[in-house]
Amino acid sequence: RGFCPSCGGRRMAERAAHLVDHVFPRVPVRQWVLSLPHRL
């Protein structure tokens, strides 16, 4: 789960496909990206 490119890439593809096919309804989806202070 740390840095393996092969396992991370496969997990990425599987989860993205699952979210699109089985989780998100066919409505608009907005991405909110929150970055935090360095100490936090």
All heavy atoms as atom14 arrays in JSON, in Angstrom:
{
  "sequence": "RGFCPSCGGRRMAERAAHLVDHVFPRVPVRQWVLSLPHRL",
  "atom14_mask": [
    [1, 1, 1, 1, 1, 1, 1, 1, 1, 1, 1, 0, 0, 0],
    [1, 1, 1, 1, 0, 0, 0, 0, 0, 0, 0, 0, 0, 0],
    [1, 1, 1, 1, 1, 1, 1, 1, 1, 1, 1, 0, 0, 0],
    [1, 1, 1, 1, 1, 1, 0, 0, 0, 0, 0, 0, 0, 0],
    [1, 1, 1, 1, 1, 1, 1, 0, 0, 0, 0, 0, 0, 0],
    [1, 1, 1, 1, 1, 1, 0, 0, 0, 0, 0, 0, 0, 0],
    [1, 1, 1, 1, 1, 1, 0, 0, 0, 0, 0, 0, 0, 0],
    [1, 1, 1, 1, 0, 0, 0, 0, 0, 0, 0, 0, 0, 0],
    [1, 1, 1, 1, 0, 0, 0, 0, 0, 0, 0, 0, 0, 0],
    [1, 1, 1, 1, 1, 1, 1, 1, 1, 1, 1, 0, 0, 0],
    [1, 1, 1, 1, 1, 1, 1, 1, 1, 1, 1, 0, 0, 0],
    [1, 1, 1, 1, 1, 1, 1, 1, 0, 0, 0, 0, 0, 0],
    [1, 1, 1, 1, 1, 0, 0, 0, 0, 0, 0, 0, 0, 0],
    [1, 1, 1, 1, 1, 1, 1, 1, 1, 0, 0, 0, 0, 0],
    [1, 1, 1, 1, 1, 1, 1, 1, 1, 1, 1, 0, 0, 0],
    [1, 1, 1, 1, 1, 0, 0, 0, 0, 0, 0, 0, 0, 0],
    [1, 1, 1, 1, 1, 0, 0, 0, 0, 0, 0, 0, 0, 0],
    [1, 1, 1, 1, 1, 1, 1, 1, 1, 1, 0, 0, 0, 0],
    [1, 1, 1, 1, 1, 1, 1, 1, 0, 0, 0, 0, 0, 0],
    [1, 1, 1, 1, 1, 1, 1, 0, 0, 0, 0, 0, 0, 0],
    [1, 1, 1, 1, 1, 1, 1, 1, 0, 0, 0, 0, 0, 0],
    [1, 1, 1, 1, 1, 1, 1, 1, 1, 1, 0, 0, 0, 0],
    [1, 1, 1, 1, 1, 1, 1, 0, 0, 0, 0, 0, 0, 0],
    [1, 1, 1, 1, 1, 1, 1, 1, 1, 1, 1, 0, 0, 0],
    [1, 1, 1, 1, 1, 1, 1, 0, 0, 0, 0, 0, 0, 0],
    [1, 1, 1, 1, 1, 1, 1, 1, 1, 1, 1, 0, 0, 0],
    [1, 1, 1, 1, 1, 1, 1, 0, 0, 0, 0, 0, 0, 0],
    [1, 1, 1, 1, 1, 1, 1, 0, 0, 0, 0, 0, 0, 0],
    [1, 1, 1, 1, 1, 1, 1, 0, 0, 0, 0, 0, 0, 0],
    [1, 1, 1, 1, 1, 1, 1, 1, 1, 1, 1, 0, 0, 0],
    [1, 1, 1, 1, 1, 1, 1, 1, 1, 0, 0, 0, 0, 0],
    [1, 1, 1, 1, 1, 1, 1, 1, 1, 1, 1, 1, 1, 1],
    [1, 1, 1, 1, 1, 1, 1, 0, 0, 0, 0, 0, 0, 0],
    [1, 1, 1, 1, 1, 1, 1, 1, 0, 0, 0, 0, 0, 0],
    [1, 1, 1, 1, 1, 1, 0, 0, 0, 0, 0, 0, 0, 0],
    [1, 1, 1, 1, 1, 1, 1, 1, 0, 0, 0, 0, 0, 0],
    [1, 1, 1, 1, 1, 1, 1, 0, 0, 0, 0, 0, 0, 0],
    [1, 1, 1, 1, 1, 1, 1, 1, 1, 1, 0, 0, 0, 0],
    [1, 1, 1, 1, 1, 1, 1, 1, 1, 1, 1, 0, 0, 0],
    [1, 1, 1, 1, 1, 1, 1, 1, 0, 0, 0, 0, 0, 0]
  ],
  "atom14_positions": [
    [[0.82, -1.21, 0.0], [0.0, 0.0, 0.0], [0.86, 1.26, 0.0], [0.33, 2.36, 0.03], [-0.91, 0.02, 1.23], [-1.84, -1.18, 1.31], [-2.65, -1.15, 2.59], [-3.54, 0.0, 2.62], [-3.85, 0.66, 3.72], [-3.31, 0.33, 4.88], [-4.68, 1.69, 3.68], [0.0, 0.0, 0.0], [0.0, 0.0, 0.0], [0.0, 0.0, 0.0]],
    [[2.18, 1.09, 0.0], [3.03, 2.24, 0.12], [3.46, 2.84, -1.2], [3.03, 3.92, -1.58], [0.0, 0.0, 0.0], [0.0, 0.0, 0.0], [0.0, 0.0, 0.0], [0.0, 0.0, 0.0], [0.0, 0.0, 0.0], [0.0, 0.0, 0.0], [0.0, 0.0, 0.0], [0.0, 0.0, 0.0], [0.0, 0.0, 0.0], [0.0, 0.0, 0.0]],
    [[4.29, 2.11, -1.96], [4.92, 2.7, -3.14], [5.1, 1.75, -4.3], [5.65, 2.15, -5.32], [6.3, 3.26, -2.75], [7.17, 2.25, -2.02], [7.91, 1.32, -2.73], [7.23, 2.22, -0.64], [8.69, 0.38, -2.08], [8.01, 1.29, 0.02], [8.75, 0.36, -0.7], [0.0, 0.0, 0.0], [0.0, 0.0, 0.0], [0.0, 0.0, 0.0]],
    [[4.65, 0.5, -4.2], [4.82, -0.45, -5.3], [4.03, 0.04, -6.53], [2.8, 0.12, -6.48], [4.34, -1.84, -4.9], [4.47, -3.06, -6.24], [0.0, 0.0, 0.0], [0.0, 0.0, 0.0], [0.0, 0.0, 0.0], [0.0, 0.0, 0.0], [0.0, 0.0, 0.0], [0.0, 0.0, 0.0], [0.0, 0.0, 0.0], [0.0, 0.0, 0.0]],
    [[4.71, 0.37, -7.63], [3.98, 0.88, -8.8], [3.01, -0.13, -9.39], [1.94, 0.25, -9.86], [5.1, 1.23, -9.79], [6.34, 1.38, -8.97], [6.17, 0.4, -7.85], [0.0, 0.0, 0.0], [0.0, 0.0, 0.0], [0.0, 0.0, 0.0], [0.0, 0.0, 0.0], [0.0, 0.0, 0.0], [0.0, 0.0, 0.0], [0.0, 0.0, 0.0]],
    [[3.38, -1.41, -9.39], [2.53, -2.43, -10.0], [1.25, -2.63, -9.18], [0.15, -2.56, -9.71], [3.3, -3.74, -10.13], [2.46, -4.77, -10.6], [0.0, 0.0, 0.0], [0.0, 0.0, 0.0], [0.0, 0.0, 0.0], [0.0, 0.0, 0.0], [0.0, 0.0, 0.0], [0.0, 0.0, 0.0], [0.0, 0.0, 0.0], [0.0, 0.0, 0.0]],
    [[1.4, -2.87, -7.88], [0.22, -3.1, -7.04], [-0.62, -1.85, -6.91], [-1.85, -1.9, -6.91], [0.65, -3.61, -5.68], [1.45, -5.24, -5.72], [0.0, 0.0, 0.0], [0.0, 0.0, 0.0], [0.0, 0.0, 0.0], [0.0, 0.0, 0.0], [0.0, 0.0, 0.0], [0.0, 0.0, 0.0], [0.0, 0.0, 0.0], [0.0, 0.0, 0.0]],
    [[0.06, -0.69, -6.8], [-0.68, 0.56, -6.72], [-1.44, 0.86, -8.0], [-2.57, 1.36, -7.95], [0.0, 0.0, 0.0], [0.0, 0.0, 0.0], [0.0, 0.0, 0.0], [0.0, 0.0, 0.0], [0.0, 0.0, 0.0], [0.0, 0.0, 0.0], [0.0, 0.0, 0.0], [0.0, 0.0, 0.0], [0.0, 0.0, 0.0], [0.0, 0.0, 0.0]],
    [[-0.83, 0.57, -9.15], [-1.51, 0.81, -10.42], [-2.71, -0.1, -10.61], [-3.76, 0.34, -11.11], [0.0, 0.0, 0.0], [0.0, 0.0, 0.0], [0.0, 0.0, 0.0], [0.0, 0.0, 0.0], [0.0, 0.0, 0.0], [0.0, 0.0, 0.0], [0.0, 0.0, 0.0], [0.0, 0.0, 0.0], [0.0, 0.0, 0.0], [0.0, 0.0, 0.0]],
    [[-2.57, -1.36, -10.21], [-3.71, -2.28, -10.35], [-4.84, -1.87, -9.4], [-6.02, -1.89, -9.78], [-3.25, -3.71, -10.04], [-4.36, -4.75, -10.21], [-3.85, -6.16, -10.07], [-3.23, -6.38, -8.79], [-1.92, -6.53, -8.6], [-1.1, -6.45, -9.62], [-1.42, -6.73, -7.39], [0.0, 0.0, 0.0], [0.0, 0.0, 0.0], [0.0, 0.0, 0.0]],
    [[-4.49, -1.53, -8.17], [-5.52, -1.09, -7.22], [-6.21, 0.17, -7.72], [-7.44, 0.32, -7.59], [-4.86, -0.85, -5.86], [-5.85, -0.55, -4.74], [-5.13, -0.3, -3.42], [-4.37, -1.48, -3.01], [-3.05, -1.53, -2.96], [-2.33, -0.49, -3.33], [-2.44, -2.63, -2.57], [0.0, 0.0, 0.0], [0.0, 0.0, 0.0], [0.0, 0.0, 0.0]],
    [[-5.44, 1.09, -8.3], [-6.01, 2.31, -8.85], [-7.05, 2.01, -9.93], [-8.16, 2.54, -9.91], [-4.89, 3.17, -9.45], [-5.33, 4.34, -10.3], [-3.97, 5.04, -11.25], [-3.73, 3.72, -12.47], [0.0, 0.0, 0.0], [0.0, 0.0, 0.0], [0.0, 0.0, 0.0], [0.0, 0.0, 0.0], [0.0, 0.0, 0.0], [0.0, 0.0, 0.0]],
    [[-6.69, 1.14, -10.88], [-7.6, 0.83, -11.98], [-8.86, 0.12, -11.48], [-9.98, 0.44, -11.91], [-6.88, -0.03, -13.01], [0.0, 0.0, 0.0], [0.0, 0.0, 0.0], [0.0, 0.0, 0.0], [0.0, 0.0, 0.0], [0.0, 0.0, 0.0], [0.0, 0.0, 0.0], [0.0, 0.0, 0.0], [0.0, 0.0, 0.0], [0.0, 0.0, 0.0]],
    [[-8.69, -0.81, -10.56], [-9.84, -1.56, -10.06], [-10.8, -0.67, -9.28], [-12.02, -0.72, -9.46], [-9.36, -2.71, -9.17], [-8.64, -3.82, -9.94], [-8.05, -4.87, -9.01], [-8.02, -4.62, -7.78], [-7.61, -5.92, -9.51], [0.0, 0.0, 0.0], [0.0, 0.0, 0.0], [0.0, 0.0, 0.0], [0.0, 0.0, 0.0], [0.0, 0.0, 0.0]],
    [[-10.26, 0.19, -8.42], [-11.12, 1.04, -7.6], [-11.8, 2.11, -8.44], [-12.97, 2.45, -8.2], [-10.3, 1.67, -6.47], [-9.94, 0.67, -5.37], [-9.15, 1.33, -4.26], [-8.97, 0.43, -3.13], [-8.25, 0.72, -2.05], [-7.66, 1.9, -1.96], [-8.13, -0.15, -1.07], [0.0, 0.0, 0.0], [0.0, 0.0, 0.0], [0.0, 0.0, 0.0]],
    [[-11.07, 2.67, -9.4], [-11.69, 3.69, -10.25], [-12.85, 3.09, -11.04], [-13.92, 3.71, -11.15], [-10.64, 4.28, -11.19], [0.0, 0.0, 0.0], [0.0, 0.0, 0.0], [0.0, 0.0, 0.0], [0.0, 0.0, 0.0], [0.0, 0.0, 0.0], [0.0, 0.0, 0.0], [0.0, 0.0, 0.0], [0.0, 0.0, 0.0], [0.0, 0.0, 0.0]],
    [[-12.65, 1.9, -11.6], [-13.72, 1.25, -12.35], [-14.91, 0.94, -11.44], [-16.07, 1.09, -11.83], [-13.2, -0.03, -12.99], [0.0, 0.0, 0.0], [0.0, 0.0, 0.0], [0.0, 0.0, 0.0], [0.0, 0.0, 0.0], [0.0, 0.0, 0.0], [0.0, 0.0, 0.0], [0.0, 0.0, 0.0], [0.0, 0.0, 0.0], [0.0, 0.0, 0.0]],
    [[-14.63, 0.52, -10.2], [-15.71, 0.21, -9.26], [-16.52, 1.46, -8.92], [-17.76, 1.43, -8.88], [-15.14, -0.4, -7.98], [-16.14, -0.56, -6.88], [-17.12, -1.53, -6.9], [-16.34, 0.15, -5.74], [-17.88, -1.43, -5.82], [-17.42, -0.42, -5.1], [0.0, 0.0, 0.0], [0.0, 0.0, 0.0], [0.0, 0.0, 0.0], [0.0, 0.0, 0.0]],
    [[-15.84, 2.58, -8.68], [-16.54, 3.81, -8.33], [-17.45, 4.27, -9.47], [-18.58, 4.69, -9.24], [-15.53, 4.91, -7.99], [-14.74, 4.74, -6.69], [-13.73, 5.86, -6.53], [-15.67, 4.7, -5.48], [0.0, 0.0, 0.0], [0.0, 0.0, 0.0], [0.0, 0.0, 0.0], [0.0, 0.0, 0.0], [0.0, 0.0, 0.0], [0.0, 0.0, 0.0]],
    [[-16.95, 4.18, -10.7], [-17.73, 4.64, -11.84], [-18.89, 3.68, -12.14], [-20.01, 4.11, -12.44], [-16.83, 4.81, -13.07], [-17.66, 5.13, -14.31], [-15.82, 5.92, -12.83], [0.0, 0.0, 0.0], [0.0, 0.0, 0.0], [0.0, 0.0, 0.0], [0.0, 0.0, 0.0], [0.0, 0.0, 0.0], [0.0, 0.0, 0.0], [0.0, 0.0, 0.0]],
    [[-18.65, 2.39, -12.06], [-19.65, 1.4, -12.46], [-20.68, 1.1, -11.37], [-21.83, 0.76, -11.67], [-18.99, 0.09, -12.87], [-18.15, 0.24, -14.13], [-18.35, 1.22, -14.86], [-17.27, -0.62, -14.36], [0.0, 0.0, 0.0], [0.0, 0.0, 0.0], [0.0, 0.0, 0.0], [0.0, 0.0, 0.0], [0.0, 0.0, 0.0], [0.0, 0.0, 0.0]],
    [[-20.28, 1.23, -10.08], [-21.15, 0.73, -9.02], [-21.42, 1.72, -7.89], [-22.19, 1.39, -6.98], [-20.55, -0.54, -8.4], [-20.3, -1.63, -9.38], [-21.33, -2.32, -10.0], [-19.14, -2.14, -9.89], [-20.81, -3.23, -10.83], [-19.5, -3.13, -10.79], [0.0, 0.0, 0.0], [0.0, 0.0, 0.0], [0.0, 0.0, 0.0], [0.0, 0.0, 0.0]],
    [[-20.82, 2.89, -7.91], [-21.0, 3.82, -6.79], [-21.61, 5.14, -7.25], [-22.7, 5.51, -6.8], [-19.66, 4.08, -6.06], [-19.85, 5.12, -4.96], [-19.12, 2.78, -5.46], [0.0, 0.0, 0.0], [0.0, 0.0, 0.0], [0.0, 0.0, 0.0], [0.0, 0.0, 0.0], [0.0, 0.0, 0.0], [0.0, 0.0, 0.0], [0.0, 0.0, 0.0]],
    [[-20.95, 5.86, -8.16], [-21.44, 7.18, -8.53], [-22.64, 7.08, -9.46], [-22.58, 6.41, -10.5], [-20.34, 8.01, -9.2], [-19.32, 8.55, -8.25], [-18.02, 8.12, -8.28], [-19.69, 9.51, -7.3], [-17.08, 8.62, -7.39], [-18.77, 10.01, -6.42], [-17.46, 9.57, -6.46], [0.0, 0.0, 0.0], [0.0, 0.0, 0.0], [0.0, 0.0, 0.0]],
    [[-23.73, 7.74, -9.11], [-24.89, 7.78, -10.03], [-24.58, 8.65, -11.23], [-23.56, 9.36, -11.27], [-26.01, 8.39, -9.17], [-25.26, 9.24, -8.18], [-23.97, 8.53, -7.89], [0.0, 0.0, 0.0], [0.0, 0.0, 0.0], [0.0, 0.0, 0.0], [0.0, 0.0, 0.0], [0.0, 0.0, 0.0], [0.0, 0.0, 0.0], [0.0, 0.0, 0.0]],
    [[-25.44, 8.62, -12.2], [-25.21, 9.4, -13.43], [-25.73, 10.83, -13.24], [-26.74, 11.24, -13.81], [-25.89, 8.7, -14.62], [-25.23, 7.37, -14.95], [-25.84, 6.68, -16.13], [-25.11, 5.45, -16.43], [-24.06, 5.36, -17.23], [-23.62, 6.45, -17.84], [-23.44, 4.23, -17.45], [0.0, 0.0, 0.0], [0.0, 0.0, 0.0], [0.0, 0.0, 0.0]],
    [[-24.99, 11.54, -12.43], [-25.25, 12.95, -12.14], [-23.9, 13.66, -12.12], [-22.86, 13.02, -12.09], [-25.97, 13.11, -10.77], [-27.32, 12.42, -10.78], [-25.08, 12.59, -9.64], [0.0, 0.0, 0.0], [0.0, 0.0, 0.0], [0.0, 0.0, 0.0], [0.0, 0.0, 0.0], [0.0, 0.0, 0.0], [0.0, 0.0, 0.0], [0.0, 0.0, 0.0]],
    [[-23.89, 15.0, -12.15], [-22.6, 15.71, -12.11], [-21.84, 15.41, -10.82], [-22.43, 15.27, -9.74], [-23.0, 17.18, -12.19], [-24.37, 17.18, -12.8], [-25.03, 15.93, -12.33], [0.0, 0.0, 0.0], [0.0, 0.0, 0.0], [0.0, 0.0, 0.0], [0.0, 0.0, 0.0], [0.0, 0.0, 0.0], [0.0, 0.0, 0.0], [0.0, 0.0, 0.0]],
    [[-20.52, 15.3, -10.94], [-19.64, 15.05, -9.79], [-18.54, 16.11, -9.8], [-17.87, 16.31, -10.81], [-19.01, 13.64, -9.85], [-18.01, 13.45, -8.72], [-20.1, 12.57, -9.79], [0.0, 0.0, 0.0], [0.0, 0.0, 0.0], [0.0, 0.0, 0.0], [0.0, 0.0, 0.0], [0.0, 0.0, 0.0], [0.0, 0.0, 0.0], [0.0, 0.0, 0.0]],
    [[-18.37, 16.78, -8.66], [-17.35, 17.83, -8.55], [-16.22, 17.34, -7.65], [-16.45, 16.73, -6.6], [-17.95, 19.11, -7.98], [-16.96, 20.29, -7.92], [-17.64, 21.56, -7.41], [-18.68, 22.04, -8.31], [-18.46, 22.82, -9.36], [-17.22, 23.21, -9.65], [-19.47, 23.21, -10.12], [0.0, 0.0, 0.0], [0.0, 0.0, 0.0], [0.0, 0.0, 0.0]],
    [[-14.99, 17.65, -8.06], [-13.82, 17.32, -7.22], [-13.45, 18.54, -6.36], [-13.17, 19.62, -6.87], [-12.63, 16.93, -8.1], [-11.38, 16.62, -7.28], [-10.2, 16.21, -8.13], [-9.62, 15.15, -7.93], [-9.84, 17.03, -9.1], [0.0, 0.0, 0.0], [0.0, 0.0, 0.0], [0.0, 0.0, 0.0], [0.0, 0.0, 0.0], [0.0, 0.0, 0.0]],
    [[-13.41, 18.31, -5.04], [-12.95, 19.31, -4.08], [-11.6, 18.82, -3.54], [-11.54, 17.72, -2.96], [-13.93, 19.47, -2.93], [-15.3, 19.99, -3.3], [-16.26, 19.32, -4.0], [-15.84, 21.27, -2.98], [-17.38, 20.11, -4.14], [-17.15, 21.31, -3.51], [-15.37, 22.38, -2.28], [-17.99, 22.41, -3.38], [-16.2, 23.48, -2.14], [-17.49, 23.5, -2.68]],
    [[-10.55, 19.6, -3.72], [-9.21, 19.21, -3.27], [-8.8, 20.14, -2.14], [-8.71, 21.36, -2.33], [-8.19, 19.28, -4.41], [-6.81, 18.83, -3.91], [-8.63, 18.4, -5.59], [0.0, 0.0, 0.0], [0.0, 0.0, 0.0], [0.0, 0.0, 0.0], [0.0, 0.0, 0.0], [0.0, 0.0, 0.0], [0.0, 0.0, 0.0], [0.0, 0.0, 0.0]],
    [[-8.55, 19.56, -0.97], [-8.15, 20.34, 0.2], [-6.69, 20.05, 0.54], [-6.34, 18.91, 0.85], [-9.04, 20.01, 1.41], [-8.65, 20.71, 2.72], [-8.87, 22.22, 2.61], [-9.44, 20.13, 3.89], [0.0, 0.0, 0.0], [0.0, 0.0, 0.0], [0.0, 0.0, 0.0], [0.0, 0.0, 0.0], [0.0, 0.0, 0.0], [0.0, 0.0, 0.0]],
    [[-5.85, 21.09, 0.47], [-4.48, 21.0, 0.94], [-4.38, 21.67, 2.3], [-5.14, 22.61, 2.6], [-3.52, 21.67, -0.05], [-3.57, 21.02, -1.31], [0.0, 0.0, 0.0], [0.0, 0.0, 0.0], [0.0, 0.0, 0.0], [0.0, 0.0, 0.0], [0.0, 0.0, 0.0], [0.0, 0.0, 0.0], [0.0, 0.0, 0.0], [0.0, 0.0, 0.0]],
    [[-3.43, 21.22, 3.13], [-3.4, 21.6, 4.53], [-2.06, 22.23, 4.9], [-1.05, 22.02, 4.2], [-3.65, 20.37, 5.4], [-4.99, 19.67, 5.13], [-4.93, 18.23, 5.6], [-6.12, 20.41, 5.81], [0.0, 0.0, 0.0], [0.0, 0.0, 0.0], [0.0, 0.0, 0.0], [0.0, 0.0, 0.0], [0.0, 0.0, 0.0], [0.0, 0.0, 0.0]],
    [[-2.0, 22.96, 6.0], [-0.71, 23.51, 6.46], [0.31, 22.4, 6.72], [-0.05, 21.27, 7.06], [-1.08, 24.23, 7.76], [-2.54, 24.52, 7.65], [-3.12, 23.38, 6.85], [0.0, 0.0, 0.0], [0.0, 0.0, 0.0], [0.0, 0.0, 0.0], [0.0, 0.0, 0.0], [0.0, 0.0, 0.0], [0.0, 0.0, 0.0], [0.0, 0.0, 0.0]],
    [[1.59, 22.74, 6.58], [2.65, 21.73, 6.67], [2.63, 20.98, 8.0], [2.8, 19.76, 8.05], [4.01, 22.38, 6.45], [4.28, 22.73, 5.03], [3.67, 23.79, 4.4], [5.09, 22.16, 4.1], [4.08, 23.86, 3.16], [4.94, 22.89, 2.94], [0.0, 0.0, 0.0], [0.0, 0.0, 0.0], [0.0, 0.0, 0.0], [0.0, 0.0, 0.0]],
    [[2.46, 21.7, 9.1], [2.45, 21.05, 10.41], [1.31, 20.04, 10.5], [1.46, 18.96, 11.08], [2.31, 22.11, 11.51], [2.18, 21.57, 12.92], [3.4, 20.78, 13.34], [3.28, 20.27, 14.7], [4.09, 19.37, 15.23], [5.07, 18.89, 14.52], [3.92, 18.95, 16.47], [0.0, 0.0, 0.0], [0.0, 0.0, 0.0], [0.0, 0.0, 0.0]],
    [[0.17, 20.37, 9.95], [-0.98, 19.47, 10.01], [-0.77, 18.25, 9.12], [-1.19, 17.14, 9.45], [-2.25, 20.23, 9.61], [-3.59, 19.53, 9.86], [-3.7, 19.07, 11.3], [-4.73, 20.45, 9.5], [0.0, 0.0, 0.0], [0.0, 0.0, 0.0], [0.0, 0.0, 0.0], [0.0, 0.0, 0.0], [0.0, 0.0, 0.0], [0.0, 0.0, 0.0]]
  ]
}
